[in-house]
C-alpha atoms as a PDB file:
ATOM      1  CA  MET A   1       0.191  -0.218  -0.149  1.00  0.00           C
ATOM      2  CA  TYR A   2       3.017   2.488   0.603  1.00  0.00           C
ATOM      3  CA  ASP A   3       4.380   1.439  -2.254  1.00  0.00           C
ATOM      4  CA  ASN A   4       1.512   2.315  -4.437  1.00  0.00           C
ATOM      5  CA  ALA A   5       0.958   5.664  -2.341  1.00  0.00           C
ATOM      6  CA  LEU A   6       4.391   6.636  -3.275  1.00  0.00           C
ATOM      7  CA  LYS A   7       3.664   5.859  -7.087  1.00  0.00           C
ATOM      8  CA  LYS A   8       0.615   7.981  -7.087  1.00  0.00           C
ATOM      9  CA  TYR A   9       1.961  10.793  -5.590  1.00  0.00           C
ATOM     10  CA  LYS A  10       5.506  11.045  -6.830  1.00  0.00           C
ATOM     11  CA  ASN A  11       5.882  14.758  -5.843  1.00  0.00           C
ATOM     12  CA  PHE A  12       5.095  14.623  -2.374  1.00  0.00           C
ATOM     13  CA  GLN A  13       7.028  13.474   0.440  1.00  0.00           C
ATOM     14  CA  PHE A  14       6.081  11.195   3.503  1.00  0.00           C
ATOM     15  CA  GLU A  15       6.280  10.870   6.798  1.00  0.00           C
ATOM     16  CA  SER A  16       5.905   7.551   8.704  1.00  0.00           C
ATOM     17  CA  ILE A  17       4.233   7.726  12.389  1.00  0.00           C
ATOM     18  CA  GLY A  18       3.492   5.275  14.719  1.00  0.00           C
ATOM     19  CA  HIS A  19       2.760   3.760  18.237  1.00  0.00           C
ATOM     20  CA  SER A  20       3.852   0.529  20.030  1.00  0.00           C
ATOM     21  CA  GLN A  21       4.079  -2.129  18.124  1.00  0.00           C
ATOM     22  CA  GLY A  22       2.970  -0.068  14.714  1.00  0.00           C
ATOM     23  CA  SER A  23       6.119   1.899  15.489  1.00  0.00           C
ATOM     24  CA  LEU A  24       8.086  -1.028  13.956  1.00  0.00           C
ATOM     25  CA  LEU A  25       6.201  -0.425  11.060  1.00  0.00           C
ATOM     26  CA  ALA A  26       7.211   3.354  11.380  1.00  0.00           C
ATOM     27  CA  ARG A  27      10.676   2.351  11.428  1.00  0.00           C
ATOM     28  CA  LEU A  28      10.944  -0.199   8.519  1.00  0.00           C
ATOM     29  CA  LEU A  29       9.097   2.502   6.648  1.00  0.00           C
ATOM     30  CA  SER A  30      11.847   4.833   7.524  1.00  0.00           C
ATOM     31  CA  ASP A  31      13.765   4.549   4.379  1.00  0.00           C
ATOM     32  CA  LYS A  32      11.394   5.891   2.136  1.00  0.00           C
ATOM     33  CA  SER A  33      10.231   8.967   4.613  1.00  0.00           C
ATOM     34  CA  ILE A  34      11.317  12.177   5.413  1.00  0.00           C
ATOM     35  CA  ASN A  35      10.691  11.395   8.938  1.00  0.00           C
ATOM     36  CA  SER A  36       9.786   8.476  10.762  1.00  0.00           C
ATOM     37  CA  ILE A  37       8.182   9.471  14.183  1.00  0.00           C
ATOM     38  CA  GLN A  38       7.675   6.631  17.055  1.00  0.00           C
ATOM     39  CA  LEU A  39       5.483   6.896  19.619  1.00  0.00           C
ATOM     40  CA  ASN A  40       6.107   4.997  22.688  1.00  0.00           C
ATOM     41  CA  PRO A  41       7.896   2.108  20.516  1.00  0.00           C
ATOM     42  CA  ALA A  42       7.850  -1.680  21.800  1.00  0.00           C
ATOM     43  CA  TYR A  43      10.916  -3.153  19.740  1.00  0.00           C
ATOM     44  CA  LYS A  44      14.427  -4.158  20.380  1.00  0.00           C
ATOM     45  CA  ALA A  45      16.433  -1.152  20.878  1.00  0.00           C
ATOM     46  CA  GLU A  46      18.257  -0.454  17.412  1.00  0.00           C
ATOM     47  CA  THR A  47      20.232   2.650  16.699  1.00  0.00           C
ATOM     48  CA  LEU A  48      18.391   5.510  15.594  1.00  0.00           C
ATOM     49  CA  LYS A  49      18.638   6.529  11.967  1.00  0.00           C
ATOM     50  CA  ASP A  50      19.346  10.586  11.344  1.00  0.00           C
ATOM     51  CA  ASN A  51      15.792  10.740  10.230  1.00  0.00           C
ATOM     52  CA  GLU A  52      13.899   8.440  12.814  1.00  0.00           C
ATOM     53  CA  TYR A  53      12.478  10.312  16.861  1.00  0.00           C
ATOM     54  CA  ILE A  54      10.784   9.056  19.667  1.00  0.00           C
ATOM     55  CA  ILE A  55       8.486  10.161  21.934  1.00  0.00           C
ATOM     56  CA  ARG A  56       7.721   8.476  25.302  1.00  0.00           C
ATOM     57  CA  SER A  57       5.430   9.059  28.403  1.00  0.00           C
ATOM     58  CA  SER A  58       6.368   8.651  31.212  1.00  0.00           C
ATOM     59  CA  GLY A  59       4.163   5.426  32.228  1.00  0.00           C
ATOM     60  CA  ASP A  60       4.743   3.755  29.431  1.00  0.00           C
ATOM     61  CA  ALA A  61       6.127   0.455  30.704  1.00  0.00           C
ATOM     62  CA  VAL A  62       7.141  -1.055  27.487  1.00  0.00           C
ATOM     63  CA  SER A  63       9.055   1.589  25.657  1.00  0.00           C
ATOM     64  CA  ALA A  64      10.663   2.451  28.875  1.00  0.00           C
ATOM     65  CA  LEU A  65      12.699  -0.796  28.896  1.00  0.00           C
ATOM     66  CA  THR A  66      14.427  -0.106  24.929  1.00  0.00           C
ATOM     67  CA  VAL A  67      15.704   3.472  26.038  1.00  0.00           C
ATOM     68  CA  GLN A  68      19.082   3.744  23.298  1.00  0.00           C
ATOM     69  CA  LYS A  69      22.220   5.633  24.182  1.00  0.00           C
ATOM     70  CA  LYS A  70      21.829   7.377  20.861  1.00  0.00           C
ATOM     71  CA  GLU A  71      18.755   8.505  21.616  1.00  0.00           C
ATOM     72  CA  LYS A  72      18.816  10.841  24.422  1.00  0.00           C
ATOM     73  CA  PHE A  73      18.922  14.151  21.641  1.00  0.00           C
ATOM     74  CA  ARG A  74      15.956  13.243  19.709  1.00  0.00           C
ATOM     75  CA  SER A  75      13.651  11.951  21.851  1.00  0.00           C
ATOM     76  CA  ILE A  76      10.546  13.672  23.944  1.00  0.00           C
ATOM     77  CA  SER A  77       9.616  12.296  27.203  1.00  0.00           C
ATOM     78  CA  ILE A  78       5.807  13.512  28.217  1.00  0.00           C
ATOM     79  CA  VAL A  79       5.665  13.234  32.236  1.00  0.00           C
ATOM     80  CA  ASP A  80       3.075  12.573  34.050  1.00  0.00           C
ATOM     81  CA  GLN A  81       2.089  16.645  35.522  1.00  0.00           C
ATOM     82  CA  ARG A  82       1.374  15.669  38.957  1.00  0.00           C
ATOM     83  CA  ALA A  83       4.783  13.647  39.092  1.00  0.00           C
ATOM     84  CA  TYR A  84       6.085  17.018  38.615  1.00  0.00           C
ATOM     85  CA  ASP A  85       3.971  19.203  40.704  1.00  0.00           C
ATOM     86  CA  ASN A  86       5.105  17.175  43.718  1.00  0.00           C
ATOM     87  CA  ASN A  87       8.924  17.336  42.497  1.00  0.00           C
ATOM     88  CA  GLN A  88       9.280  13.799  41.578  1.00  0.00           C
ATOM     89  CA  SER A  89      12.107  12.830  39.363  1.00  0.00           C
ATOM     90  CA  ARG A  90      11.568  14.796  35.958  1.00  0.00           C
ATOM     91  CA  ASN A  91      12.433  12.237  32.537  1.00  0.00           C
ATOM     92  CA  ILE A  92      12.552  15.127  30.097  1.00  0.00           C
END
């Protein structure tokens, strides 16, 4: 389906986005996308490509297990406001 969209819209640039298991699809399509945005990804920790970005929420246990070294400069962690207000550790 993605290849059909690339053929049909030849003059367009594509971005891929996925959540949890869908992040794997976004990652696999990143070679054909200008950017790949992955929300709370659930997959083994691989090195990020230059066009990959990860967004994590503080309460997501699955994606917390796969934090990558290179990722710290291109990831966003969303912190629960209640934890922030109570001066608990911040994950930003």
